[in-house]
């Protein structure tokens, strides 16, 4: 795998992992989010964001591992 692609995937995975941690903390500590003066974001949105973020991190790790296997096979030939 090209070095810059691997670094990009690691940065994106770290971003989504941080996002999942933040949303988990929001649920655990019952933090509210107010947008503007009247719109209150429900906490179930954070639950969906946690699931989405964890799925994206899993998917990125899976892609990285598959591409490393392809690189090893090409080098061995």
C-alpha atoms as a PDB file:
ATOM      1  CA  UNK A   1       0.000   0.000   0.000  1.00  0.00           C
ATOM      2  CA  UNK A   2       1.238   3.456  -0.753  1.00  0.00           C
ATOM      3  CA  UNK A   3       2.518   5.242   2.317  1.00  0.00           C
ATOM      4  CA  UNK A   4       0.325   8.331   1.937  1.00  0.00           C
ATOM      5  CA  UNK A   5      -2.803   6.184   1.567  1.00  0.00           C
ATOM      6  CA  UNK A   6      -1.977   4.273   4.764  1.00  0.00           C
ATOM      7  CA  UNK A   7      -1.439   7.528   6.670  1.00  0.00           C
ATOM      8  CA  UNK A   8      -4.722   8.923   5.331  1.00  0.00           C
ATOM      9  CA  UNK A   9      -6.638   5.836   6.481  1.00  0.00           C
ATOM     10  CA  UNK A  10      -5.076   6.022   9.950  1.00  0.00           C
ATOM     11  CA  UNK A  11      -6.017   9.703  10.296  1.00  0.00           C
ATOM     12  CA  UNK A  12      -9.609   9.079   9.198  1.00  0.00           C
ATOM     13  CA  UNK A  13      -9.916   6.084  11.550  1.00  0.00           C
ATOM     14  CA  UNK A  14      -8.590   8.186  14.451  1.00  0.00           C
ATOM     15  CA  UNK A  15     -11.091  10.951  13.641  1.00  0.00           C
ATOM     16  CA  UNK A  16     -14.064   8.576  13.661  1.00  0.00           C
ATOM     17  CA  UNK A  17     -12.798   6.842  16.806  1.00  0.00           C
ATOM     18  CA  UNK A  18     -12.585  10.225  18.552  1.00  0.00           C
ATOM     19  CA  UNK A  19     -16.094  10.986  17.313  1.00  0.00           C
ATOM     20  CA  UNK A  20     -17.427   7.712  18.752  1.00  0.00           C
ATOM     21  CA  UNK A  21     -15.757   8.430  22.100  1.00  0.00           C
ATOM     22  CA  UNK A  22     -17.249  11.933  22.216  1.00  0.00           C
ATOM     23  CA  UNK A  23     -20.747  10.653  21.433  1.00  0.00           C
ATOM     24  CA  UNK A  24     -20.379   7.919  24.071  1.00  0.00           C
ATOM     25  CA  UNK A  25     -19.379  10.562  26.628  1.00  0.00           C
ATOM     26  CA  UNK A  26     -22.407  12.623  25.601  1.00  0.00           C
ATOM     27  CA  UNK A  27     -24.679   9.661  26.328  1.00  0.00           C
ATOM     28  CA  UNK A  28     -22.895   8.700  29.553  1.00  0.00           C
ATOM     29  CA  UNK A  29     -22.900  12.201  31.066  1.00  0.00           C
ATOM     30  CA  UNK A  30     -26.261  13.234  29.562  1.00  0.00           C
ATOM     31  CA  UNK A  31     -24.822  16.291  27.827  1.00  0.00           C
ATOM     32  CA  UNK A  32     -27.183  18.319  25.697  1.00  0.00           C
ATOM     33  CA  UNK A  33     -26.456  20.001  22.394  1.00  0.00           C
ATOM     34  CA  UNK A  34     -28.332  23.157  21.458  1.00  0.00           C
ATOM     35  CA  UNK A  35     -28.071  24.508  17.924  1.00  0.00           C
ATOM     36  CA  UNK A  36     -29.040  28.148  17.720  1.00  0.00           C
ATOM     37  CA  UNK A  37     -31.544  29.041  20.422  1.00  0.00           C
ATOM     38  CA  UNK A  38     -34.313  26.518  19.989  1.00  0.00           C
ATOM     39  CA  UNK A  39     -33.153  23.302  18.321  1.00  0.00           C
ATOM     40  CA  UNK A  40     -32.114  20.638  20.838  1.00  0.00           C
ATOM     41  CA  UNK A  41     -30.389  17.569  19.396  1.00  0.00           C
ATOM     42  CA  UNK A  42     -31.869  14.350  20.879  1.00  0.00           C
ATOM     43  CA  UNK A  43     -29.500  11.882  22.527  1.00  0.00           C
ATOM     44  CA  UNK A  44     -30.565   9.013  20.264  1.00  0.00           C
ATOM     45  CA  UNK A  45     -28.697  10.805  17.474  1.00  0.00           C
ATOM     46  CA  UNK A  46     -25.487  10.158  19.412  1.00  0.00           C
ATOM     47  CA  UNK A  47     -26.329   6.462  19.639  1.00  0.00           C
ATOM     48  CA  UNK A  48     -26.644   6.314  15.849  1.00  0.00           C
ATOM     49  CA  UNK A  49     -23.391   8.247  15.456  1.00  0.00           C
ATOM     50  CA  UNK A  50     -21.587   5.776  17.736  1.00  0.00           C
ATOM     51  CA  UNK A  51     -22.736   2.841  15.615  1.00  0.00           C
ATOM     52  CA  UNK A  52     -21.822   4.634  12.382  1.00  0.00           C
ATOM     53  CA  UNK A  53     -18.384   5.671  13.662  1.00  0.00           C
ATOM     54  CA  UNK A  54     -17.521   2.185  14.898  1.00  0.00           C
ATOM     55  CA  UNK A  55     -18.620   0.704  11.554  1.00  0.00           C
ATOM     56  CA  UNK A  56     -16.417   3.184   9.634  1.00  0.00           C
ATOM     57  CA  UNK A  57     -13.378   2.430  11.827  1.00  0.00           C
ATOM     58  CA  UNK A  58     -13.917  -1.329  11.346  1.00  0.00           C
ATOM     59  CA  UNK A  59     -14.286  -0.854   7.591  1.00  0.00           C
ATOM     60  CA  UNK A  60     -11.088   1.238   7.361  1.00  0.00           C
ATOM     61  CA  UNK A  61      -9.092  -1.357   9.321  1.00  0.00           C
ATOM     62  CA  UNK A  62     -10.469  -4.116   7.087  1.00  0.00           C
ATOM     63  CA  UNK A  63      -9.516  -2.200   3.923  1.00  0.00           C
ATOM     64  CA  UNK A  64      -6.020  -1.540   5.257  1.00  0.00           C
ATOM     65  CA  UNK A  65      -5.492  -5.218   6.117  1.00  0.00           C
ATOM     66  CA  UNK A  66      -6.756  -6.404   2.713  1.00  0.00           C
ATOM     67  CA  UNK A  67      -4.472  -4.014   0.876  1.00  0.00           C
ATOM     68  CA  UNK A  68      -1.478  -5.087   2.979  1.00  0.00           C
ATOM     69  CA  UNK A  69      -2.184  -8.714   1.988  1.00  0.00           C
ATOM     70  CA  UNK A  70      -2.259  -7.685  -1.670  1.00  0.00           C
ATOM     71  CA  UNK A  71       1.049  -5.823  -1.260  1.00  0.00           C
ATOM     72  CA  UNK A  72       2.675  -8.880   0.347  1.00  0.00           C
ATOM     73  CA  UNK A  73       1.484 -11.143  -2.468  1.00  0.00           C
ATOM     74  CA  UNK A  74       2.854  -8.765  -5.107  1.00  0.00           C
ATOM     75  CA  UNK A  75       6.237  -8.546  -3.356  1.00  0.00           C
ATOM     76  CA  UNK A  76       6.512 -12.342  -3.040  1.00  0.00           C
ATOM     77  CA  UNK A  77       5.946 -12.877  -6.749  1.00  0.00           C
END
